[in-house]
Amino acid sequence: MLQKTPPSPPVSDLAIPHAEGVSNDEFRAAMARLAAGVVLVTAHDPDEGPRGEDVGMTATAFMSVSLDPPLVLVSLRNGSRMDDLLAEVPVWAVSMLAEDQRHIAGRFAMKNRVSDRLLFADLPYTRGEVSGAPLMGGALSVLECRTENRVVAGDHTLVVGRVLTVGLHTGEGGPLTYFQGKYRRLS
């Protein structure tokens, strides 16, 4: 005997699964359960104005790739200012944010900001000797990198960078983490 399948309830556009069967909402909810470290990716754009302009972006999709040679990877949204800039500027920096630097992460995660110049105005930082990019004071560690490879992956570009310099913070405190849509401290 043939059984009838009940009609499916209506779903929003965001809940419609991709061909592979996972909706954007399901994927986002699953990935929100993965704790991630928070970094600030920075670069200096020499073409903006007489002395250039510093650009920064908060990222949680950052990881080490290789020890020999020392390589890291950061994921950038396609067409973002940082993606466009790192396609042109070969050197950039990463500051691994400390738990007391939530304000920095939030500041550089804002969408539709006019200029990064004001975002850096009252923050303590030094300039990387190789990249010229801002290195945040108080960060757990800072890296200067040179792009080795760029791979387009869906709506993001994976940028693999060779680590050229490393700076380590000697103070107390843990990393700033991101879990279930919020910045958190390890405890």
Protein backbone atom coordinates (compact mmCIF):
# COMPACT_ATOMS: atom_id res chain seq x y z
CA MET A 1 0.00 0.00 0.00
CA LEU A 2 1.31 3.46 -0.95
CA GLN A 3 1.63 5.94 1.92
CA LYS A 4 1.15 9.63 1.37
CA THR A 5 3.79 11.96 2.73
CA PRO A 6 2.30 14.89 4.65
CA PRO A 7 3.06 18.27 3.06
CA SER A 8 6.10 20.07 4.45
CA PRO A 9 5.46 23.21 6.49
CA PRO A 10 6.48 26.48 4.83
CA VAL A 11 10.02 27.60 5.57
CA SER A 12 11.78 30.93 5.34
CA ASP A 13 14.39 31.52 2.64
CA LEU A 14 17.17 31.21 5.23
CA ALA A 15 15.94 27.80 6.37
CA ILE A 16 15.93 26.33 2.86
CA PRO A 17 18.70 23.74 2.78
CA HIS A 18 21.51 23.97 0.27
CA ALA A 19 21.78 21.13 -2.22
CA GLU A 20 23.87 19.33 0.39
CA GLY A 21 20.96 19.50 2.88
CA VAL A 22 22.21 22.04 5.45
CA SER A 23 20.56 25.44 5.83
CA ASN A 24 22.49 28.62 6.62
CA ASP A 25 20.77 28.77 10.03
CA GLU A 26 21.68 25.17 10.89
CA PHE A 27 25.29 25.64 9.86
CA ARG A 28 25.58 28.94 11.77
CA ALA A 29 24.09 27.33 14.92
CA ALA A 30 26.44 24.36 14.72
CA MET A 31 29.55 26.50 14.24
CA ALA A 32 28.53 28.84 17.10
CA ARG A 33 29.23 25.89 19.39
CA LEU A 34 32.92 25.92 18.45
CA ALA A 35 34.97 28.19 20.69
CA ALA A 36 37.49 30.29 18.78
CA GLY A 37 40.29 32.64 19.67
CA VAL A 38 39.85 36.28 18.65
CA VAL A 39 42.48 38.14 16.67
CA LEU A 40 42.82 41.55 15.09
CA VAL A 41 44.18 41.39 11.54
CA THR A 42 45.80 44.67 10.48
CA ALA A 43 47.51 46.06 7.41
CA HIS A 44 48.78 49.42 6.25
CA ASP A 45 47.33 50.76 3.01
CA PRO A 46 50.03 53.05 1.56
CA ASP A 47 47.71 54.33 -1.20
CA GLU A 48 45.25 56.06 1.15
CA GLY A 49 46.28 59.66 1.69
CA PRO A 50 49.70 61.23 2.18
CA ARG A 51 50.91 58.76 4.84
CA GLY A 52 48.53 55.89 4.10
CA GLU A 53 45.85 54.42 6.31
CA ASP A 54 45.75 51.56 8.80
CA VAL A 55 43.03 48.94 8.33
CA GLY A 56 41.85 46.42 10.91
CA MET A 57 39.42 43.52 11.09
CA THR A 58 38.35 41.22 13.92
CA ALA A 59 38.63 37.54 13.00
CA THR A 60 37.82 34.25 14.70
CA ALA A 61 38.66 32.04 11.70
CA PHE A 62 42.41 32.04 12.29
CA MET A 63 44.75 29.10 12.82
CA SER A 64 48.30 27.85 12.58
CA VAL A 65 48.98 25.72 9.51
CA SER A 66 52.62 24.68 9.63
CA LEU A 67 55.63 24.82 11.92
CA ASP A 68 58.24 24.45 9.18
CA PRO A 69 57.87 26.87 7.55
CA PRO A 70 55.79 28.84 10.06
CA LEU A 71 52.42 29.43 8.35
CA VAL A 72 49.07 30.74 9.55
CA LEU A 73 45.68 31.03 7.85
CA VAL A 74 42.95 33.65 8.15
CA SER A 75 39.55 33.57 6.46
CA LEU A 76 38.32 36.85 4.95
CA ARG A 77 34.86 37.59 3.54
CA ASN A 78 35.14 38.01 -0.23
CA GLY A 79 34.99 41.66 -1.24
CA SER A 80 35.64 42.94 2.29
CA ARG A 81 38.06 45.82 2.66
CA MET A 82 40.67 43.52 4.22
CA ASP A 83 40.27 40.94 1.44
CA ASP A 84 40.74 43.63 -1.19
CA LEU A 85 43.71 45.16 0.63
CA LEU A 86 45.53 41.86 1.22
CA ALA A 87 45.14 41.06 -2.48
CA GLU A 88 47.33 44.14 -3.09
CA VAL A 89 49.53 44.46 0.02
CA PRO A 90 51.71 41.39 0.63
CA VAL A 91 52.51 41.98 4.34
CA TRP A 92 50.10 42.20 7.26
CA ALA A 93 49.89 41.56 10.98
CA VAL A 94 47.87 39.66 13.57
CA SER A 95 47.37 40.57 17.22
CA MET A 96 46.04 37.71 19.38
CA LEU A 97 43.70 39.58 21.69
CA ALA A 98 43.74 39.19 25.47
CA GLU A 99 40.58 38.71 27.52
CA ASP A 100 40.58 42.40 28.53
CA GLN A 101 40.58 43.55 24.87
CA ARG A 102 36.91 42.82 24.11
CA HIS A 103 36.40 46.51 23.27
CA ILE A 104 38.99 46.23 20.48
CA ALA A 105 37.33 43.13 19.02
CA GLY A 106 33.91 44.79 19.07
CA ARG A 107 35.20 48.01 17.58
CA PHE A 108 36.79 46.33 14.55
CA ALA A 109 33.88 43.92 14.04
CA MET A 110 31.48 46.79 13.22
CA LYS A 111 30.04 46.67 9.73
CA ASN A 112 29.66 49.65 7.38
CA ARG A 113 32.18 51.87 9.14
CA VAL A 114 33.42 54.87 7.23
CA SER A 115 37.09 54.85 8.21
CA ASP A 116 39.41 52.79 10.35
CA ARG A 117 41.48 55.89 11.17
CA LEU A 118 39.19 56.80 14.09
CA LEU A 119 39.11 53.20 15.34
CA PHE A 120 42.87 53.22 15.93
CA ALA A 121 42.96 56.78 17.36
CA ASP A 122 42.96 55.99 21.09
CA LEU A 123 44.45 52.48 21.07
CA PRO A 124 48.00 51.68 22.18
CA TYR A 125 49.94 50.05 19.37
CA THR A 126 53.33 49.91 17.75
CA ARG A 127 54.14 49.54 14.07
CA GLY A 128 55.50 46.29 12.77
CA GLU A 129 59.05 46.65 11.46
CA VAL A 130 58.32 44.49 8.40
CA SER A 131 54.65 45.20 7.65
CA GLY A 132 54.21 48.73 8.98
CA ALA A 133 50.85 47.46 10.31
CA PRO A 134 49.58 48.20 13.82
CA LEU A 135 50.48 45.65 16.50
CA MET A 136 48.12 46.02 19.48
CA GLY A 137 49.65 46.79 22.83
CA GLY A 138 48.61 44.25 25.47
CA ALA A 139 47.89 41.49 22.93
CA LEU A 140 49.01 38.00 24.00
CA SER A 141 51.20 37.75 20.94
CA VAL A 142 51.68 39.56 17.65
CA LEU A 143 52.76 38.22 14.27
CA GLU A 144 53.85 39.85 11.06
CA CYS A 145 53.09 37.82 7.96
CA ARG A 146 53.66 37.76 4.22
CA THR A 147 50.94 36.25 2.02
CA GLU A 148 52.03 32.90 0.57
CA ASN A 149 48.74 31.81 -0.96
CA ARG A 150 45.11 32.86 -1.43
CA VAL A 151 42.35 30.30 -1.96
CA VAL A 152 38.75 31.26 -2.72
CA ALA A 153 36.45 29.00 -0.67
CA GLY A 154 32.76 29.79 -1.10
CA ASP A 155 32.03 33.33 0.08
CA HIS A 156 35.44 33.67 1.76
CA THR A 157 39.10 33.78 0.79
CA LEU A 158 41.59 31.77 2.82
CA VAL A 159 44.84 33.71 3.13
CA VAL A 160 47.89 31.68 4.09
CA GLY A 161 50.68 33.80 5.51
CA ARG A 162 54.31 33.05 6.30
CA VAL A 163 55.16 34.32 9.78
CA LEU A 164 58.07 36.75 9.53
CA THR A 165 58.22 38.11 13.11
CA VAL A 166 56.76 37.13 16.47
CA GLY A 167 56.26 39.20 19.62
CA LEU A 168 55.14 37.67 22.93
CA HIS A 169 53.36 39.47 25.77
CA THR A 170 54.83 38.66 29.17
CA GLY A 171 51.86 39.72 31.32
CA GLU A 172 49.13 37.73 33.02
CA GLY A 173 45.73 36.92 31.59
CA GLY A 174 44.16 34.61 29.09
CA PRO A 175 42.88 34.83 25.54
CA LEU A 176 39.70 36.48 24.35
CA THR A 177 37.43 33.79 22.94
CA TYR A 178 34.23 33.78 20.91
CA PHE A 179 31.51 31.23 21.69
CA GLN A 180 27.79 31.13 20.86
CA GLY A 181 27.83 34.63 19.40
CA LYS A 182 29.55 36.33 22.36
CA TYR A 183 33.06 37.31 23.42
CA ARG A 184 34.09 35.31 26.49
CA ARG A 185 36.94 34.62 28.89
CA LEU A 186 38.34 31.18 29.60
CA SER A 187 37.55 30.12 33.13
